[in-house]
């Protein structure tokens, strides 16, 4: 119901963030959900599952105490931890190889400016990494620690790459044809990057690593608006 971000875990379960305040989980080959999460969710945008099977969901709106990332333990639909984010919208999520959680967020009262916050495993306190981002969407941390983030501000609308520890991007890559990127997904061996385009319904793929010379190939155009993308051979933890 008005789906946004998608994620496929190591067991092949598909997680769908429905903006109507639920996350639904579909086992491999099934069109019927095996679980539905709703407690603690307000306009959820992106789901992700960690190495222990905990589900993390980025809330796009406040549930009363401010926008947050909500954590659920395996087998439970009750919130376990709520990670408060200094934002008006919480967006893309990803883990690095040490299981640190990275959270992109924006503050619409500040012209959509925001940043990326890093949470150590099990910690409720995050570290704001210091870069200024504008209306972020999908986020990926690759095996080398590079951060890829979708920027959808009116003046940029590109995929941004930050080297490890950097506060300023070392590359900004646009999609062709005026397409506006939304969610990104990378193959497990990190040789291909997939990007959805929100405004015109394209799914693009390019070779990875991403550079300003990267060329994009259209692989699908299922509709006029497309939101999330996930890979059965994608990044898992």
Protein backbone atom coordinates (compact mmCIF):
# COMPACT_ATOMS: atom_id res chain seq x y z
CA UNK A 1 0.00 0.00 0.00
CA UNK A 2 1.91 3.00 -1.37
CA UNK A 3 5.23 1.11 -1.08
CA UNK A 4 8.57 2.90 -0.90
CA UNK A 5 11.81 1.16 0.13
CA UNK A 6 12.45 -2.57 -0.35
CA UNK A 7 14.98 -5.00 1.11
CA UNK A 8 15.72 -8.72 0.62
CA UNK A 9 17.40 -10.47 3.57
CA UNK A 10 19.85 -13.41 3.53
CA UNK A 11 16.93 -15.88 3.63
CA UNK A 12 15.26 -14.33 0.59
CA UNK A 13 12.44 -12.63 2.50
CA UNK A 14 11.22 -9.42 0.89
CA UNK A 15 10.54 -6.46 3.21
CA UNK A 16 8.27 -3.69 1.91
CA UNK A 17 7.93 -0.30 3.62
CA UNK A 18 4.35 0.81 3.04
CA UNK A 19 3.86 4.54 3.57
CA UNK A 20 0.47 3.72 5.11
CA UNK A 21 2.31 2.88 8.36
CA UNK A 22 3.23 -0.79 7.91
CA UNK A 23 6.11 -2.99 6.84
CA UNK A 24 5.09 -6.30 5.26
CA UNK A 25 7.35 -9.36 4.89
CA UNK A 26 6.98 -11.85 2.01
CA UNK A 27 8.70 -15.25 2.07
CA UNK A 28 10.38 -16.39 -1.17
CA UNK A 29 7.77 -17.16 -3.83
CA UNK A 30 4.81 -15.91 -1.79
CA UNK A 31 2.47 -12.99 -2.51
CA UNK A 32 1.02 -13.16 1.02
CA UNK A 33 2.86 -11.58 3.95
CA UNK A 34 4.20 -13.77 6.74
CA UNK A 35 4.46 -10.78 9.09
CA UNK A 36 3.19 -7.22 9.29
CA UNK A 37 4.82 -4.53 11.43
CA UNK A 38 2.86 -1.45 12.46
CA UNK A 39 3.69 -0.55 16.06
CA UNK A 40 5.95 2.48 16.22
CA UNK A 41 5.72 3.17 12.49
CA UNK A 42 4.71 6.50 10.98
CA UNK A 43 5.13 6.82 7.21
CA UNK A 44 7.94 4.21 7.03
CA UNK A 45 10.30 4.65 4.10
CA UNK A 46 13.21 2.18 4.25
CA UNK A 47 13.67 -1.25 5.91
CA UNK A 48 16.87 -3.25 6.47
CA UNK A 49 17.83 -6.41 8.42
CA UNK A 50 21.10 -6.89 10.31
CA UNK A 51 23.28 -9.97 10.83
CA UNK A 52 21.26 -11.13 13.84
CA UNK A 53 17.96 -10.80 11.98
CA UNK A 54 16.85 -7.56 13.66
CA UNK A 55 14.68 -5.36 11.46
CA UNK A 56 15.36 -1.61 11.33
CA UNK A 57 12.81 0.77 9.78
CA UNK A 58 13.26 4.46 8.95
CA UNK A 59 10.22 6.57 9.84
CA UNK A 60 9.40 9.39 7.43
CA UNK A 61 7.29 11.20 10.00
CA UNK A 62 7.13 11.70 13.74
CA UNK A 63 5.18 9.26 15.91
CA UNK A 64 5.10 11.79 18.75
CA UNK A 65 8.69 11.88 19.95
CA UNK A 66 10.23 12.87 16.61
CA UNK A 67 11.30 10.90 13.53
CA UNK A 68 13.30 7.82 14.36
CA UNK A 69 14.66 4.46 13.27
CA UNK A 70 12.74 1.63 14.93
CA UNK A 71 14.37 -1.74 15.70
CA UNK A 72 12.49 -5.06 16.03
CA UNK A 73 13.95 -8.32 17.30
CA UNK A 74 13.51 -11.50 15.20
CA UNK A 75 10.02 -12.92 15.54
CA UNK A 76 8.60 -9.86 17.30
CA UNK A 77 6.48 -7.05 15.85
CA UNK A 78 6.89 -4.93 19.00
CA UNK A 79 9.54 -2.18 18.90
CA UNK A 80 12.70 -3.12 20.78
CA UNK A 81 14.74 0.08 20.43
CA UNK A 82 13.92 3.49 19.01
CA UNK A 83 16.92 5.42 17.68
CA UNK A 84 16.05 9.11 17.78
CA UNK A 85 17.32 11.13 14.82
CA UNK A 86 17.63 14.99 14.76
CA UNK A 87 15.42 15.21 11.70
CA UNK A 88 12.00 15.76 10.22
CA UNK A 89 12.41 12.73 7.93
CA UNK A 90 14.54 9.59 8.22
CA UNK A 91 15.58 7.99 4.94
CA UNK A 92 18.12 5.45 3.64
CA UNK A 93 19.73 2.86 5.94
CA UNK A 94 22.72 0.56 5.56
CA UNK A 95 25.37 -1.31 7.56
CA UNK A 96 29.12 -1.45 7.10
CA UNK A 97 31.28 -4.55 7.59
CA UNK A 98 31.54 -3.88 11.33
CA UNK A 99 27.72 -3.72 11.64
CA UNK A 100 27.65 0.02 12.24
CA UNK A 101 24.31 1.44 11.10
CA UNK A 102 24.29 4.50 8.82
CA UNK A 103 21.13 6.63 8.65
CA UNK A 104 20.50 9.43 6.15
CA UNK A 105 18.08 12.15 7.23
CA UNK A 106 16.83 15.60 6.32
CA UNK A 107 15.45 18.61 8.20
CA UNK A 108 12.80 20.27 6.06
CA UNK A 109 12.74 23.39 8.22
CA UNK A 110 16.35 23.91 7.09
CA UNK A 111 15.58 23.78 3.35
CA UNK A 112 15.81 20.02 3.36
CA UNK A 113 19.36 19.97 4.69
CA UNK A 114 20.43 17.05 6.82
CA UNK A 115 23.30 14.63 7.27
CA UNK A 116 24.20 10.99 7.92
CA UNK A 117 24.32 9.55 11.43
CA UNK A 118 26.35 6.46 12.40
CA UNK A 119 25.31 4.10 15.21
CA UNK A 120 27.69 1.52 16.67
CA UNK A 121 26.18 -1.97 17.14
CA UNK A 122 23.72 -1.95 20.02
CA UNK A 123 24.21 1.75 20.78
CA UNK A 124 21.24 4.16 21.06
CA UNK A 125 23.57 7.14 20.62
CA UNK A 126 24.72 8.06 17.14
CA UNK A 127 27.56 10.10 15.68
CA UNK A 128 26.65 12.71 13.06
CA UNK A 129 29.30 12.38 10.35
CA UNK A 130 29.29 16.06 9.40
CA UNK A 131 28.43 16.09 5.70
CA UNK A 132 25.52 18.29 4.60
CA UNK A 133 22.99 16.39 2.51
CA UNK A 134 19.87 17.64 0.75
CA UNK A 135 16.66 15.60 0.77
CA UNK A 136 18.37 12.17 0.81
CA UNK A 137 16.79 8.89 -0.20
CA UNK A 138 18.59 5.54 -0.65
CA UNK A 139 21.97 4.89 0.99
CA UNK A 140 24.65 2.20 0.56
CA UNK A 141 27.96 1.59 2.35
CA UNK A 142 30.27 -0.54 0.20
CA UNK A 143 32.93 -3.01 1.35
CA UNK A 144 35.61 -0.29 1.29
CA UNK A 145 33.58 2.04 3.50
CA UNK A 146 32.51 4.41 0.73
CA UNK A 147 29.05 5.91 1.29
CA UNK A 148 26.70 6.23 -1.68
CA UNK A 149 23.63 8.37 -1.13
CA UNK A 150 20.82 9.61 -3.34
CA UNK A 151 20.35 13.40 -3.23
CA UNK A 152 16.99 14.61 -4.53
CA UNK A 153 17.22 18.35 -3.93
CA UNK A 154 15.98 20.50 -6.77
CA UNK A 155 19.47 21.64 -7.78
CA UNK A 156 21.33 18.33 -7.65
CA UNK A 157 19.27 15.14 -8.05
CA UNK A 158 22.18 12.74 -8.30
CA UNK A 159 23.99 9.85 -6.63
CA UNK A 160 26.69 11.17 -4.30
CA UNK A 161 29.82 9.24 -3.28
CA UNK A 162 31.72 9.96 -0.05
CA UNK A 163 35.10 8.38 0.59
CA UNK A 164 35.60 6.90 4.09
CA UNK A 165 35.76 9.73 6.63
CA UNK A 166 35.04 12.44 4.06
CA UNK A 167 32.61 15.28 4.70
CA UNK A 168 32.51 16.36 1.07
CA UNK A 169 31.69 14.12 -1.92
CA UNK A 170 34.39 12.95 -4.28
CA UNK A 171 31.84 12.25 -7.03
CA UNK A 172 28.32 13.28 -8.04
CA UNK A 173 26.72 11.21 -10.79
CA UNK A 174 23.46 12.09 -12.52
CA UNK A 175 21.02 9.80 -14.25
CA UNK A 176 20.29 10.46 -17.94
CA UNK A 177 17.13 12.07 -19.37
CA UNK A 178 16.45 14.19 -16.32
CA UNK A 179 15.59 11.12 -14.25
CA UNK A 180 15.43 11.67 -10.48
CA UNK A 181 17.08 8.84 -8.50
CA UNK A 182 15.29 7.32 -5.52
CA UNK A 183 16.50 3.98 -4.13
CA UNK A 184 19.78 2.23 -4.90
CA UNK A 185 20.81 -1.43 -4.62
CA UNK A 186 24.16 -3.11 -5.15
CA UNK A 187 25.00 -6.72 -5.98
CA UNK A 188 26.65 -8.83 -3.30
CA UNK A 189 29.98 -8.83 -5.15
CA UNK A 190 29.62 -5.07 -5.74
CA UNK A 191 30.06 -5.12 -9.50
CA UNK A 192 26.65 -3.64 -10.44
CA UNK A 193 24.65 -0.73 -9.06
CA UNK A 194 20.89 -0.40 -9.65
CA UNK A 195 18.97 2.86 -9.30
CA UNK A 196 15.26 3.60 -9.56
CA UNK A 197 13.99 6.84 -11.05
CA UNK A 198 11.01 8.27 -9.22
CA UNK A 199 9.68 10.72 -11.80
CA UNK A 200 9.65 8.64 -15.00
CA UNK A 201 9.58 4.99 -13.94
CA UNK A 202 12.97 3.79 -15.16
CA UNK A 203 15.29 1.27 -13.51
CA UNK A 204 18.94 1.90 -14.38
CA UNK A 205 22.06 -0.23 -13.95
CA UNK A 206 25.74 0.66 -14.21
CA UNK A 207 29.07 -0.93 -13.41
CA UNK A 208 30.50 -0.34 -9.96
CA UNK A 209 32.63 1.43 -8.67
CA UNK A 210 30.72 4.55 -9.65
CA UNK A 211 32.57 7.43 -11.32
CA UNK A 212 31.54 10.60 -13.13
CA UNK A 213 32.15 8.69 -16.38
CA UNK A 214 29.73 5.89 -15.49
CA UNK A 215 27.20 5.03 -18.20
CA UNK A 216 23.66 3.92 -17.42
CA UNK A 217 21.56 1.21 -19.06
CA UNK A 218 17.77 1.08 -18.77
CA UNK A 219 16.65 -2.44 -17.82
CA UNK A 220 13.00 -1.86 -16.96
CA UNK A 221 10.21 0.67 -17.14
CA UNK A 222 7.28 -0.86 -15.26
CA UNK A 223 5.28 2.33 -14.74
CA UNK A 224 5.15 6.10 -14.64
CA UNK A 225 6.32 6.21 -11.00
CA UNK A 226 8.65 3.69 -9.37
CA UNK A 227 9.88 3.70 -5.81
CA UNK A 228 12.03 0.93 -4.35
CA UNK A 229 14.43 -1.68 -5.72
CA UNK A 230 15.91 -4.78 -4.05
CA UNK A 231 18.08 -7.63 -5.33
CA UNK A 232 17.92 -11.35 -4.59
CA UNK A 233 21.71 -11.34 -5.10
CA UNK A 234 22.18 -8.07 -3.27
CA UNK A 235 23.91 -6.81 -0.18
CA UNK A 236 23.02 -8.83 2.94
CA UNK A 237 24.43 -8.96 6.47
